[in-house]
């Protein structure tokens, strides 16, 4: 009902709003026309590359507008054909796409079939996070047709996804972003920080830091900007759940592979931990269903994700393992 209402509204008014845009689960058809060779070959440049994006919505309406594209992501700039991108939709303030403002766009590291599967795995990781908390970035899947305006790169198609802007995430929760303040282990919202940390353990991701704002955004209530902030994680491509060939854990953590889980949170009180574990157990079936019902994943990818998830749920169902992983061997304040 909601999707039909949004589709009809868009067809009538032509307005695009971030909340509705990211609430719609359906895949968009997109054509991105730009200087692909420049974008792929000059990834360290701070200058944006101009382009035109055309989006076909589920109601068959097509909206086209100018964009400016910049590479982002330190590792992917060095190791991928196309880095992750920052797409600025409001280059022209009168464009119907301008309300989307500036969004991160994640595509495959390379152009082959395996790269697309890794991309789809990361997309599902975001969707798992959405099942657990509203303080998580929503994503919108797209089938992107890349067209080189200089005709030096053959056109190709690949799935990609857009990530909700932090201001839009904060707004729908009646929060606002908090920046430029270093927070220690007791400086953030206890429950949401623990949930985020256990989620990172579930997906096998160690590439984050609250103190240094590394792959973390912080938000606080608009009604109380001095409240303890809530950390929101993003960028999951080097997690064990995705496990692309280029993923490797930081050398100082003492693990050999990203599929070797390590809890990076601080040791919680058992009663707080149990509340969070119960949340994961309540969502177990829908998390597995998310993977198994996703038709774009091949059987090998589904098997890999299911196996990795099974290890996590086996751990949190064993009281001795829970104490060992999340308390005994966790970091101390």
C-alpha atoms as a PDB file:
ATOM      1  CA  UNK A   1       0.000   0.000   0.000  1.00  0.00           C
ATOM      2  CA  UNK A   2       2.769   2.422   0.952  1.00  0.00           C
ATOM      3  CA  UNK A   3       4.761   1.731  -2.197  1.00  0.00           C
ATOM      4  CA  UNK A   4       1.740   2.236  -4.425  1.00  0.00           C
ATOM      5  CA  UNK A   5       0.980   5.508  -2.639  1.00  0.00           C
ATOM      6  CA  UNK A   6       4.549   6.734  -3.089  1.00  0.00           C
ATOM      7  CA  UNK A   7       4.646   5.711  -6.740  1.00  0.00           C
ATOM      8  CA  UNK A   8       1.397   7.551  -7.424  1.00  0.00           C
ATOM      9  CA  UNK A   9       2.574  10.610  -5.532  1.00  0.00           C
ATOM     10  CA  UNK A  10       5.780  10.749  -7.528  1.00  0.00           C
ATOM     11  CA  UNK A  11       3.957  10.394 -10.828  1.00  0.00           C
ATOM     12  CA  UNK A  12       1.660  13.294  -9.893  1.00  0.00           C
ATOM     13  CA  UNK A  13       4.073  15.733  -8.280  1.00  0.00           C
ATOM     14  CA  UNK A  14       7.523  14.726  -9.495  1.00  0.00           C
ATOM     15  CA  UNK A  15       8.837  15.266  -5.955  1.00  0.00           C
ATOM     16  CA  UNK A  16      11.560  13.034  -4.580  1.00  0.00           C
ATOM     17  CA  UNK A  17      12.000  12.839  -0.832  1.00  0.00           C
ATOM     18  CA  UNK A  18      14.826  10.934   0.797  1.00  0.00           C
ATOM     19  CA  UNK A  19      12.659   9.102   3.344  1.00  0.00           C
ATOM     20  CA  UNK A  20      10.302   7.669   0.722  1.00  0.00           C
ATOM     21  CA  UNK A  21      13.118   7.104  -1.759  1.00  0.00           C
ATOM     22  CA  UNK A  22      14.952   4.807   0.663  1.00  0.00           C
ATOM     23  CA  UNK A  23      11.805   3.150   2.019  1.00  0.00           C
ATOM     24  CA  UNK A  24      10.949   1.710  -1.390  1.00  0.00           C
ATOM     25  CA  UNK A  25      12.455  -1.782  -1.734  1.00  0.00           C
ATOM     26  CA  UNK A  26      12.247  -2.029  -5.508  1.00  0.00           C
ATOM     27  CA  UNK A  27      15.308  -1.910  -7.728  1.00  0.00           C
ATOM     28  CA  UNK A  28      15.815   1.185  -9.852  1.00  0.00           C
ATOM     29  CA  UNK A  29      16.981   1.201 -13.449  1.00  0.00           C
ATOM     30  CA  UNK A  30      19.694   3.816 -13.892  1.00  0.00           C
ATOM     31  CA  UNK A  31      21.841   5.154 -16.709  1.00  0.00           C
ATOM     32  CA  UNK A  32      24.969   7.047 -15.684  1.00  0.00           C
ATOM     33  CA  UNK A  33      26.666   8.957 -18.499  1.00  0.00           C
ATOM     34  CA  UNK A  34      30.055  10.428 -17.663  1.00  0.00           C
ATOM     35  CA  UNK A  35      33.749  10.279 -18.506  1.00  0.00           C
ATOM     36  CA  UNK A  36      34.256   6.732 -17.217  1.00  0.00           C
ATOM     37  CA  UNK A  37      37.905   6.564 -18.258  1.00  0.00           C
ATOM     38  CA  UNK A  38      38.687   9.742 -16.318  1.00  0.00           C
ATOM     39  CA  UNK A  39      36.722   8.531 -13.303  1.00  0.00           C
ATOM     40  CA  UNK A  40      38.585   5.205 -13.308  1.00  0.00           C
ATOM     41  CA  UNK A  41      42.037   6.626 -14.093  1.00  0.00           C
ATOM     42  CA  UNK A  42      42.104   9.736 -11.944  1.00  0.00           C
ATOM     43  CA  UNK A  43      40.701   8.426  -8.672  1.00  0.00           C
ATOM     44  CA  UNK A  44      42.957  10.588  -6.465  1.00  0.00           C
ATOM     45  CA  UNK A  45      41.700  13.844  -7.971  1.00  0.00           C
ATOM     46  CA  UNK A  46      39.698  16.113  -5.671  1.00  0.00           C
ATOM     47  CA  UNK A  47      37.860  17.565  -8.663  1.00  0.00           C
ATOM     48  CA  UNK A  48      34.484  16.161  -9.545  1.00  0.00           C
ATOM     49  CA  UNK A  49      33.550  14.652 -12.892  1.00  0.00           C
ATOM     50  CA  UNK A  50      30.376  15.956 -14.509  1.00  0.00           C
ATOM     51  CA  UNK A  51      27.734  13.522 -15.658  1.00  0.00           C
ATOM     52  CA  UNK A  52      24.073  12.919 -16.402  1.00  0.00           C
ATOM     53  CA  UNK A  53      22.032  10.407 -14.452  1.00  0.00           C
ATOM     54  CA  UNK A  54      18.732   9.007 -15.649  1.00  0.00           C
ATOM     55  CA  UNK A  55      16.548   7.074 -13.184  1.00  0.00           C
ATOM     56  CA  UNK A  56      13.587   4.947 -14.194  1.00  0.00           C
ATOM     57  CA  UNK A  57      11.220   4.608 -11.253  1.00  0.00           C
ATOM     58  CA  UNK A  58       8.881   1.658 -10.625  1.00  0.00           C
ATOM     59  CA  UNK A  59       5.928   3.652 -12.002  1.00  0.00           C
ATOM     60  CA  UNK A  60       7.886   3.826 -15.317  1.00  0.00           C
ATOM     61  CA  UNK A  61       8.482   7.561 -14.956  1.00  0.00           C
ATOM     62  CA  UNK A  62      12.008   8.629 -15.925  1.00  0.00           C
ATOM     63  CA  UNK A  63      13.807  11.497 -14.226  1.00  0.00           C
ATOM     64  CA  UNK A  64      17.073  12.836 -15.597  1.00  0.00           C
ATOM     65  CA  UNK A  65      19.429  15.408 -14.160  1.00  0.00           C
ATOM     66  CA  UNK A  66      23.028  16.608 -14.014  1.00  0.00           C
ATOM     67  CA  UNK A  67      25.340  15.196 -11.351  1.00  0.00           C
ATOM     68  CA  UNK A  68      28.894  15.645 -10.213  1.00  0.00           C
ATOM     69  CA  UNK A  69      30.807  12.514  -9.239  1.00  0.00           C
ATOM     70  CA  UNK A  70      33.850  12.144  -6.993  1.00  0.00           C
ATOM     71  CA  UNK A  71      35.734   8.974  -6.021  1.00  0.00           C
ATOM     72  CA  UNK A  72      35.706   8.111  -2.303  1.00  0.00           C
ATOM     73  CA  UNK A  73      37.185   5.390  -0.083  1.00  0.00           C
ATOM     74  CA  UNK A  74      40.924   5.266   0.556  1.00  0.00           C
ATOM     75  CA  UNK A  75      41.458   1.564  -0.174  1.00  0.00           C
ATOM     76  CA  UNK A  76      39.201   1.338  -3.195  1.00  0.00           C
ATOM     77  CA  UNK A  77      40.865   4.323  -4.837  1.00  0.00           C
ATOM     78  CA  UNK A  78      44.069   2.278  -4.911  1.00  0.00           C
ATOM     79  CA  UNK A  79      42.704  -1.173  -5.637  1.00  0.00           C
ATOM     80  CA  UNK A  80      39.473  -1.006  -7.659  1.00  0.00           C
ATOM     81  CA  UNK A  81      38.576  -0.198 -11.238  1.00  0.00           C
ATOM     82  CA  UNK A  82      36.026   2.280  -9.920  1.00  0.00           C
ATOM     83  CA  UNK A  83      36.231   3.566  -6.376  1.00  0.00           C
ATOM     84  CA  UNK A  84      33.079   4.054  -4.393  1.00  0.00           C
ATOM     85  CA  UNK A  85      31.531   7.303  -5.539  1.00  0.00           C
ATOM     86  CA  UNK A  86      30.009  10.425  -4.051  1.00  0.00           C
ATOM     87  CA  UNK A  87      27.203  11.593  -6.319  1.00  0.00           C
ATOM     88  CA  UNK A  88      26.004  15.182  -5.996  1.00  0.00           C
ATOM     89  CA  UNK A  89      22.442  15.413  -7.311  1.00  0.00           C
ATOM     90  CA  UNK A  90      21.841  19.099  -6.543  1.00  0.00           C
ATOM     91  CA  UNK A  91      24.328  20.554  -9.042  1.00  0.00           C
ATOM     92  CA  UNK A  92      21.274  22.201 -10.586  1.00  0.00           C
ATOM     93  CA  UNK A  93      18.938  23.321  -7.795  1.00  0.00           C
ATOM     94  CA  UNK A  94      15.921  23.086 -10.121  1.00  0.00           C
ATOM     95  CA  UNK A  95      16.572  19.420 -10.980  1.00  0.00           C
ATOM     96  CA  UNK A  96      13.867  17.026  -9.778  1.00  0.00           C
ATOM     97  CA  UNK A  97      16.705  14.932  -8.323  1.00  0.00           C
ATOM     98  CA  UNK A  98      18.145  17.864  -6.340  1.00  0.00           C
ATOM     99  CA  UNK A  99      16.319  16.888  -3.076  1.00  0.00           C
ATOM    100  CA  UNK A 100      18.572  13.801  -2.905  1.00  0.00           C
ATOM    101  CA  UNK A 101      21.475  16.231  -2.401  1.00  0.00           C
ATOM    102  CA  UNK A 102      24.740  14.260  -2.081  1.00  0.00           C
ATOM    103  CA  UNK A 103      24.768  10.458  -1.708  1.00  0.00           C
ATOM    104  CA  UNK A 104      27.387   7.736  -1.518  1.00  0.00           C
ATOM    105  CA  UNK A 105      27.140   5.203  -4.320  1.00  0.00           C
ATOM    106  CA  UNK A 106      28.703   1.768  -3.928  1.00  0.00           C
ATOM    107  CA  UNK A 107      29.420  -0.338  -7.001  1.00  0.00           C
ATOM    108  CA  UNK A 108      31.549  -3.366  -7.728  1.00  0.00           C
ATOM    109  CA  UNK A 109      35.302  -3.106  -7.226  1.00  0.00           C
ATOM    110  CA  UNK A 110      35.740  -4.511 -10.741  1.00  0.00           C
ATOM    111  CA  UNK A 111      33.455  -5.178 -13.681  1.00  0.00           C
ATOM    112  CA  UNK A 112      33.146  -8.962 -13.523  1.00  0.00           C
ATOM    113  CA  UNK A 113      30.460 -11.254 -12.153  1.00  0.00           C
ATOM    114  CA  UNK A 114      32.162 -11.954  -8.808  1.00  0.00           C
ATOM    115  CA  UNK A 115      32.497  -8.231  -8.086  1.00  0.00           C
ATOM    116  CA  UNK A 116      28.747  -7.897  -8.422  1.00  0.00           C
ATOM    117  CA  UNK A 117      28.130 -10.745  -5.958  1.00  0.00           C
ATOM    118  CA  UNK A 118      30.355  -9.078  -3.342  1.00  0.00           C
ATOM    119  CA  UNK A 119      28.434  -5.860  -3.900  1.00  0.00           C
ATOM    120  CA  UNK A 120      25.101  -7.618  -3.361  1.00  0.00           C
ATOM    121  CA  UNK A 121      26.402  -9.231  -0.173  1.00  0.00           C
ATOM    122  CA  UNK A 122      27.296  -5.818   1.235  1.00  0.00           C
ATOM    123  CA  UNK A 123      23.868  -4.513   0.275  1.00  0.00           C
ATOM    124  CA  UNK A 124      22.304  -7.312   2.347  1.00  0.00           C
ATOM    125  CA  UNK A 125      24.525  -6.450   5.316  1.00  0.00           C
ATOM    126  CA  UNK A 126      22.967  -2.972   5.358  1.00  0.00           C
ATOM    127  CA  UNK A 127      19.516  -4.557   5.193  1.00  0.00           C
ATOM    128  CA  UNK A 128      20.378  -6.793   8.176  1.00  0.00           C
ATOM    129  CA  UNK A 129      21.390  -3.714  10.146  1.00  0.00           C
ATOM    130  CA  UNK A 130      18.022  -2.125   9.255  1.00  0.00           C
ATOM    131  CA  UNK A 131      16.238  -5.127  10.796  1.00  0.00           C
ATOM    132  CA  UNK A 132      17.908  -4.484  14.146  1.00  0.00           C
ATOM    133  CA  UNK A 133      17.694  -0.707  14.569  1.00  0.00           C
ATOM    134  CA  UNK A 134      16.332   2.446  12.937  1.00  0.00           C
ATOM    135  CA  UNK A 135      19.724   3.977  13.651  1.00  0.00           C
ATOM    136  CA  UNK A 136      21.204   2.415  10.517  1.00  0.00           C
ATOM    137  CA  UNK A 137      21.670   3.640   6.981  1.00  0.00           C
ATOM    138  CA  UNK A 138      19.030   2.663   4.467  1.00  0.00           C
ATOM    139  CA  UNK A 139      20.135   1.688   0.978  1.00  0.00           C
ATOM    140  CA  UNK A 140      18.519   1.628  -2.475  1.00  0.00           C
ATOM    141  CA  UNK A 141      19.531  -0.994  -5.021  1.00  0.00           C
ATOM    142  CA  UNK A 142      20.027   0.009  -8.647  1.00  0.00           C
ATOM    143  CA  UNK A 143      20.913  -1.673 -11.914  1.00  0.00           C
ATOM    144  CA  UNK A 144      23.313   0.860 -13.384  1.00  0.00           C
ATOM    145  CA  UNK A 145      24.154   1.141 -17.070  1.00  0.00           C
ATOM    146  CA  UNK A 146      27.481   2.941 -17.324  1.00  0.00           C
ATOM    147  CA  UNK A 147      27.937   4.965 -20.498  1.00  0.00           C
ATOM    148  CA  UNK A 148      31.238   6.660 -21.328  1.00  0.00           C
ATOM    149  CA  UNK A 149      30.609  10.087 -22.850  1.00  0.00           C
ATOM    150  CA  UNK A 150      34.053  10.013 -24.518  1.00  0.00           C
ATOM    151  CA  UNK A 151      33.307   6.581 -26.043  1.00  0.00           C
ATOM    152  CA  UNK A 152      36.659   5.209 -24.817  1.00  0.00           C
ATOM    153  CA  UNK A 153      35.111   2.583 -22.512  1.00  0.00           C
ATOM    154  CA  UNK A 154      32.522   0.092 -23.697  1.00  0.00           C
ATOM    155  CA  UNK A 155      29.138   0.441 -21.964  1.00  0.00           C
ATOM    156  CA  UNK A 156      28.562  -2.056 -19.166  1.00  0.00           C
ATOM    157  CA  UNK A 157      25.907  -2.792 -16.563  1.00  0.00           C
ATOM    158  CA  UNK A 158      26.253  -3.712 -12.910  1.00  0.00           C
ATOM    159  CA  UNK A 159      24.268  -3.535  -9.705  1.00  0.00           C
ATOM    160  CA  UNK A 160      25.108  -0.727  -7.288  1.00  0.00           C
ATOM    161  CA  UNK A 161      23.391   0.921  -4.352  1.00  0.00           C
ATOM    162  CA  UNK A 162      22.947   4.382  -2.907  1.00  0.00           C
ATOM    163  CA  UNK A 163      23.376   5.018   0.831  1.00  0.00           C
ATOM    164  CA  UNK A 164      21.075   7.337   2.736  1.00  0.00           C
ATOM    165  CA  UNK A 165      22.663  10.611   3.836  1.00  0.00           C
ATOM    166  CA  UNK A 166      23.413  10.937   7.551  1.00  0.00           C
ATOM    167  CA  UNK A 167      21.304  14.093   7.815  1.00  0.00           C
ATOM    168  CA  UNK A 168      18.285  12.241   6.376  1.00  0.00           C
ATOM    169  CA  UNK A 169      18.865   9.327   8.775  1.00  0.00           C
ATOM    170  CA  UNK A 170      19.087  11.727  11.700  1.00  0.00           C
ATOM    171  CA  UNK A 171      15.992  13.667  10.607  1.00  0.00           C
ATOM    172  CA  UNK A 172      13.721  10.617  10.404  1.00  0.00           C
ATOM    173  CA  UNK A 173      14.770   9.750  13.982  1.00  0.00           C
ATOM    174  CA  UNK A 174      14.452  13.385  15.192  1.00  0.00           C
ATOM    175  CA  UNK A 175      18.211  13.481  15.739  1.00  0.00           C
ATOM    176  CA  UNK A 176      21.086  15.470  14.276  1.00  0.00           C
ATOM    177  CA  UNK A 177      24.694  14.646  13.441  1.00  0.00           C
ATOM    178  CA  UNK A 178      27.407  15.225  16.055  1.00  0.00           C
ATOM    179  CA  UNK A 179      30.953  15.855  14.833  1.00  0.00           C
ATOM    180  CA  UNK A 180      34.473  16.870  15.818  1.00  0.00           C
ATOM    181  CA  UNK A 181      34.364  15.631  19.430  1.00  0.00           C
ATOM    182  CA  UNK A 182      36.411  12.604  20.502  1.00  0.00           C
ATOM    183  CA  UNK A 183      34.380  10.126  22.516  1.00  0.00           C
ATOM    184  CA  UNK A 184      35.880   7.460  24.763  1.00  0.00           C
ATOM    185  CA  UNK A 185      34.386   4.049  25.615  1.00  0.00           C
ATOM    186  CA  UNK A 186      31.803   5.523  28.006  1.00  0.00           C
ATOM    187  CA  UNK A 187      31.012   8.548  25.871  1.00  0.00           C
ATOM    188  CA  UNK A 188      28.296   7.093  23.642  1.00  0.00           C
ATOM    189  CA  UNK A 189      24.829   5.642  24.154  1.00  0.00           C
ATOM    190  CA  UNK A 190      25.443   2.338  25.939  1.00  0.00           C
ATOM    191  CA  UNK A 191      22.688   0.200  24.443  1.00  0.00           C
ATOM    192  CA  UNK A 192      23.015   1.332  20.833  1.00  0.00           C
ATOM    193  CA  UNK A 193      26.821   1.151  21.004  1.00  0.00           C
ATOM    194  CA  UNK A 194      26.638  -2.422  22.266  1.00  0.00           C
ATOM    195  CA  UNK A 195      24.130  -3.385  19.569  1.00  0.00           C
ATOM    196  CA  UNK A 196      26.360  -1.859  16.884  1.00  0.00           C
ATOM    197  CA  UNK A 197      29.446  -3.627  18.276  1.00  0.00           C
ATOM    198  CA  UNK A 198      27.719  -7.023  18.362  1.00  0.00           C
ATOM    199  CA  UNK A 199      26.439  -6.417  14.827  1.00  0.00           C
ATOM    200  CA  UNK A 200      30.011  -5.721  13.685  1.00  0.00           C
ATOM    201  CA  UNK A 201      31.033  -9.001  15.321  1.00  0.00           C
ATOM    202  CA  UNK A 202      28.203 -10.836  13.556  1.00  0.00           C
ATOM    203  CA  UNK A 203      29.363  -9.630  10.131  1.00  0.00           C
ATOM    204  CA  UNK A 204      33.064 -10.022  10.993  1.00  0.00           C
ATOM    205  CA  UNK A 205      33.981  -6.355  10.605  1.00  0.00           C
ATOM    206  CA  UNK A 206      36.885  -4.831  12.530  1.00  0.00           C
ATOM    207  CA  UNK A 207      37.391  -1.805  10.263  1.00  0.00           C
ATOM    208  CA  UNK A 208      35.778   0.836  12.473  1.00  0.00           C
ATOM    209  CA  UNK A 209      36.470   3.226  15.339  1.00  0.00           C
ATOM    210  CA  UNK A 210      34.150   5.522  17.262  1.00  0.00           C
ATOM    211  CA  UNK A 211      36.942   7.662  18.664  1.00  0.00           C
ATOM    212  CA  UNK A 212      38.378   8.427  15.217  1.00  0.00           C
ATOM    213  CA  UNK A 213      35.027   8.506  13.368  1.00  0.00           C
ATOM    214  CA  UNK A 214      36.302   5.713  11.139  1.00  0.00           C
ATOM    215  CA  UNK A 215      33.338   4.253   9.253  1.00  0.00           C
ATOM    216  CA  UNK A 216      31.132   5.625  12.015  1.00  0.00           C
ATOM    217  CA  UNK A 217      28.720   8.560  12.176  1.00  0.00           C
ATOM    218  CA  UNK A 218      27.356   9.932  15.454  1.00  0.00           C
ATOM    219  CA  UNK A 219      23.913  11.437  16.068  1.00  0.00           C
ATOM    220  CA  UNK A 220      22.229  13.050  19.080  1.00  0.00           C
ATOM    221  CA  UNK A 221      18.591  13.985  19.803  1.00  0.00           C
ATOM    222  CA  UNK A 222      17.573  17.417  18.550  1.00  0.00           C
ATOM    223  CA  UNK A 223      15.849  17.920  21.876  1.00  0.00           C
ATOM    224  CA  UNK A 224      19.065  17.265  23.838  1.00  0.00           C
ATOM    225  CA  UNK A 225      22.280  17.827  21.900  1.00  0.00           C
ATOM    226  CA  UNK A 226      24.322  17.086  25.029  1.00  0.00           C
ATOM    227  CA  UNK A 227      22.961  13.534  25.255  1.00  0.00           C
ATOM    228  CA  UNK A 228      25.273  10.592  24.697  1.00  0.00           C
ATOM    229  CA  UNK A 229      25.518  10.122  20.908  1.00  0.00           C
ATOM    230  CA  UNK A 230      24.468   7.019  19.019  1.00  0.00           C
ATOM    231  CA  UNK A 231      27.108   5.494  16.695  1.00  0.00           C
ATOM    232  CA  UNK A 232      25.995   4.387  13.241  1.00  0.00           C
ATOM    233  CA  UNK A 233      28.232   2.073  11.236  1.00  0.00           C
ATOM    234  CA  UNK A 234      28.749   1.962   7.468  1.00  0.00           C
ATOM    235  CA  UNK A 235      31.181   0.621   4.818  1.00  0.00           C
ATOM    236  CA  UNK A 236      31.057  -3.158   5.279  1.00  0.00           C
ATOM    237  CA  UNK A 237      32.887  -4.344   2.167  1.00  0.00           C
ATOM    238  CA  UNK A 238      35.938  -5.665   4.063  1.00  0.00           C
ATOM    239  CA  UNK A 239      33.849  -7.662   6.534  1.00  0.00           C
ATOM    240  CA  UNK A 240      33.998 -11.439   6.781  1.00  0.00           C
ATOM    241  CA  UNK A 241      30.368 -11.590   5.671  1.00  0.00           C
ATOM    242  CA  UNK A 242      31.296 -10.060   2.311  1.00  0.00           C
ATOM    243  CA  UNK A 243      34.870 -11.408   2.186  1.00  0.00           C
ATOM    244  CA  UNK A 244      36.173 -10.005  -1.116  1.00  0.00           C
ATOM    245  CA  UNK A 245      39.709 -10.974  -2.250  1.00  0.00           C
ATOM    246  CA  UNK A 246      41.171  -7.625  -1.213  1.00  0.00           C
ATOM    247  CA  UNK A 247      39.866  -7.743   2.384  1.00  0.00           C
ATOM    248  CA  UNK A 248      42.438  -8.111   5.165  1.00  0.00           C
ATOM    249  CA  UNK A 249      42.225  -7.295   8.894  1.00  0.00           C
ATOM    250  CA  UNK A 250      44.433  -4.594  10.435  1.00  0.00           C
ATOM    251  CA  UNK A 251      47.796  -6.254  11.266  1.00  0.00           C
ATOM    252  CA  UNK A 252      47.734  -5.257  14.947  1.00  0.00           C
ATOM    253  CA  UNK A 253      44.553  -7.183  15.799  1.00  0.00           C
ATOM    254  CA  UNK A 254      46.117 -10.636  15.865  1.00  0.00           C
ATOM    255  CA  UNK A 255      43.721 -12.272  13.400  1.00  0.00           C
ATOM    256  CA  UNK A 256      44.757 -13.661  10.024  1.00  0.00           C
ATOM    257  CA  UNK A 257      41.576 -13.332   7.972  1.00  0.00           C
ATOM    258  CA  UNK A 258      38.487 -11.132   8.032  1.00  0.00           C
ATOM    259  CA  UNK A 259      36.460 -14.306   8.524  1.00  0.00           C
ATOM    260  CA  UNK A 260      38.170 -14.686  11.934  1.00  0.00           C
ATOM    261  CA  UNK A 261      35.754 -12.824  14.164  1.00  0.00           C
ATOM    262  CA  UNK A 262      36.968 -10.446  16.862  1.00  0.00           C
ATOM    263  CA  UNK A 263      34.716  -8.435  19.178  1.00  0.00           C
ATOM    264  CA  UNK A 264      35.955  -4.827  19.079  1.00  0.00           C
ATOM    265  CA  UNK A 265      33.526  -3.459  21.625  1.00  0.00           C
ATOM    266  CA  UNK A 266      34.185  -2.986  25.318  1.00  0.00           C
ATOM    267  CA  UNK A 267      33.174  -5.596  27.886  1.00  0.00           C
ATOM    268  CA  UNK A 268      29.532  -4.947  28.843  1.00  0.00           C
ATOM    269  CA  UNK A 269      27.524  -5.927  31.877  1.00  0.00           C
ATOM    270  CA  UNK A 270      25.931  -9.331  31.321  1.00  0.00           C
ATOM    271  CA  UNK A 271      22.402  -7.975  31.765  1.00  0.00           C
ATOM    272  CA  UNK A 272      22.975  -5.378  29.017  1.00  0.00           C
ATOM    273  CA  UNK A 273      24.549  -7.968  26.753  1.00  0.00           C
ATOM    274  CA  UNK A 274      21.651 -10.377  27.207  1.00  0.00           C
ATOM    275  CA  UNK A 275      19.158  -7.734  26.080  1.00  0.00           C
ATOM    276  CA  UNK A 276      21.115  -7.228  22.854  1.00  0.00           C
ATOM    277  CA  UNK A 277      21.607 -10.955  22.266  1.00  0.00           C
ATOM    278  CA  UNK A 278      17.874 -11.495  22.676  1.00  0.00           C
ATOM    279  CA  UNK A 279      17.287  -8.884  19.964  1.00  0.00           C
ATOM    280  CA  UNK A 280      19.503 -10.826  17.555  1.00  0.00           C
ATOM    281  CA  UNK A 281      17.830 -14.117  18.429  1.00  0.00           C
ATOM    282  CA  UNK A 282      14.401 -12.594  17.805  1.00  0.00           C
ATOM    283  CA  UNK A 283      15.569 -11.544  14.328  1.00  0.00           C
ATOM    284  CA  UNK A 284      17.381 -14.796  13.481  1.00  0.00           C
ATOM    285  CA  UNK A 285      14.742 -16.174  11.128  1.00  0.00           C
ATOM    286  CA  UNK A 286      14.208 -12.923   9.236  1.00  0.00           C
ATOM    287  CA  UNK A 287      17.957 -12.413   8.844  1.00  0.00           C
ATOM    288  CA  UNK A 288      18.338 -15.839   7.249  1.00  0.00           C
ATOM    289  CA  UNK A 289      15.215 -15.243   5.151  1.00  0.00           C
ATOM    290  CA  UNK A 290      16.721 -11.997   3.896  1.00  0.00           C
ATOM    291  CA  UNK A 291      19.622 -13.968   2.448  1.00  0.00           C
ATOM    292  CA  UNK A 292      17.703 -16.997   1.193  1.00  0.00           C
ATOM    293  CA  UNK A 293      14.925 -14.998  -0.481  1.00  0.00           C
ATOM    294  CA  UNK A 294      17.256 -12.612  -2.297  1.00  0.00           C
ATOM    295  CA  UNK A 295      17.055 -13.821  -5.877  1.00  0.00           C
ATOM    296  CA  UNK A 296      20.095 -11.893  -7.132  1.00  0.00           C
ATOM    297  CA  UNK A 297      22.485 -13.886  -4.934  1.00  0.00           C
ATOM    298  CA  UNK A 298      23.810 -17.119  -6.412  1.00  0.00           C
ATOM    299  CA  UNK A 299      23.774 -20.343  -4.393  1.00  0.00           C
ATOM    300  CA  UNK A 300      27.461 -20.160  -3.521  1.00  0.00           C
ATOM    301  CA  UNK A 301      27.075 -16.663  -2.055  1.00  0.00           C
ATOM    302  CA  UNK A 302      23.992 -17.723  -0.108  1.00  0.00           C
ATOM    303  CA  UNK A 303      25.800 -20.757   1.262  1.00  0.00           C
ATOM    304  CA  UNK A 304      28.773 -18.631   2.353  1.00  0.00           C
ATOM    305  CA  UNK A 305      26.580 -16.049   4.083  1.00  0.00           C
ATOM    306  CA  UNK A 306      24.417 -18.690   5.754  1.00  0.00           C
ATOM    307  CA  UNK A 307      27.438 -20.559   7.056  1.00  0.00           C
ATOM    308  CA  UNK A 308      28.953 -17.372   8.483  1.00  0.00           C
ATOM    309  CA  UNK A 309      25.674 -16.439  10.145  1.00  0.00           C
ATOM    310  CA  UNK A 310      25.231 -19.935  11.599  1.00  0.00           C
ATOM    311  CA  UNK A 311      28.589 -19.644  13.365  1.00  0.00           C
ATOM    312  CA  UNK A 312      27.479 -16.363  14.962  1.00  0.00           C
ATOM    313  CA  UNK A 313      24.112 -17.657  16.146  1.00  0.00           C
ATOM    314  CA  UNK A 314      25.722 -20.837  17.500  1.00  0.00           C
ATOM    315  CA  UNK A 315      28.038 -18.601  19.534  1.00  0.00           C
ATOM    316  CA  UNK A 316      25.347 -16.388  21.041  1.00  0.00           C
ATOM    317  CA  UNK A 317      23.247 -19.432  21.964  1.00  0.00           C
ATOM    318  CA  UNK A 318      26.090 -20.826  24.102  1.00  0.00           C
ATOM    319  CA  UNK A 319      26.429 -19.055  27.471  1.00  0.00           C
ATOM    320  CA  UNK A 320      30.087 -20.015  27.874  1.00  0.00           C
ATOM    321  CA  UNK A 321      30.939 -18.684  24.398  1.00  0.00           C
ATOM    322  CA  UNK A 322      29.021 -15.479  25.071  1.00  0.00           C
ATOM    323  CA  UNK A 323      30.964 -14.802  28.246  1.00  0.00           C
ATOM    324  CA  UNK A 324      34.283 -15.716  26.618  1.00  0.00           C
ATOM    325  CA  UNK A 325      33.818 -13.609  23.450  1.00  0.00           C
ATOM    326  CA  UNK A 326      32.012 -10.532  24.721  1.00  0.00           C
ATOM    327  CA  UNK A 327      33.244 -10.202  28.302  1.00  0.00           C
ATOM    328  CA  UNK A 328      36.345 -12.194  29.243  1.00  0.00           C
ATOM    329  CA  UNK A 329      38.333 -11.384  26.084  1.00  0.00           C
ATOM    330  CA  UNK A 330      36.771  -7.988  25.345  1.00  0.00           C
ATOM    331  CA  UNK A 331      38.473  -4.661  25.757  1.00  0.00           C
ATOM    332  CA  UNK A 332      38.209  -2.946  29.142  1.00  0.00           C
ATOM    333  CA  UNK A 333      37.273   0.690  29.786  1.00  0.00           C
END
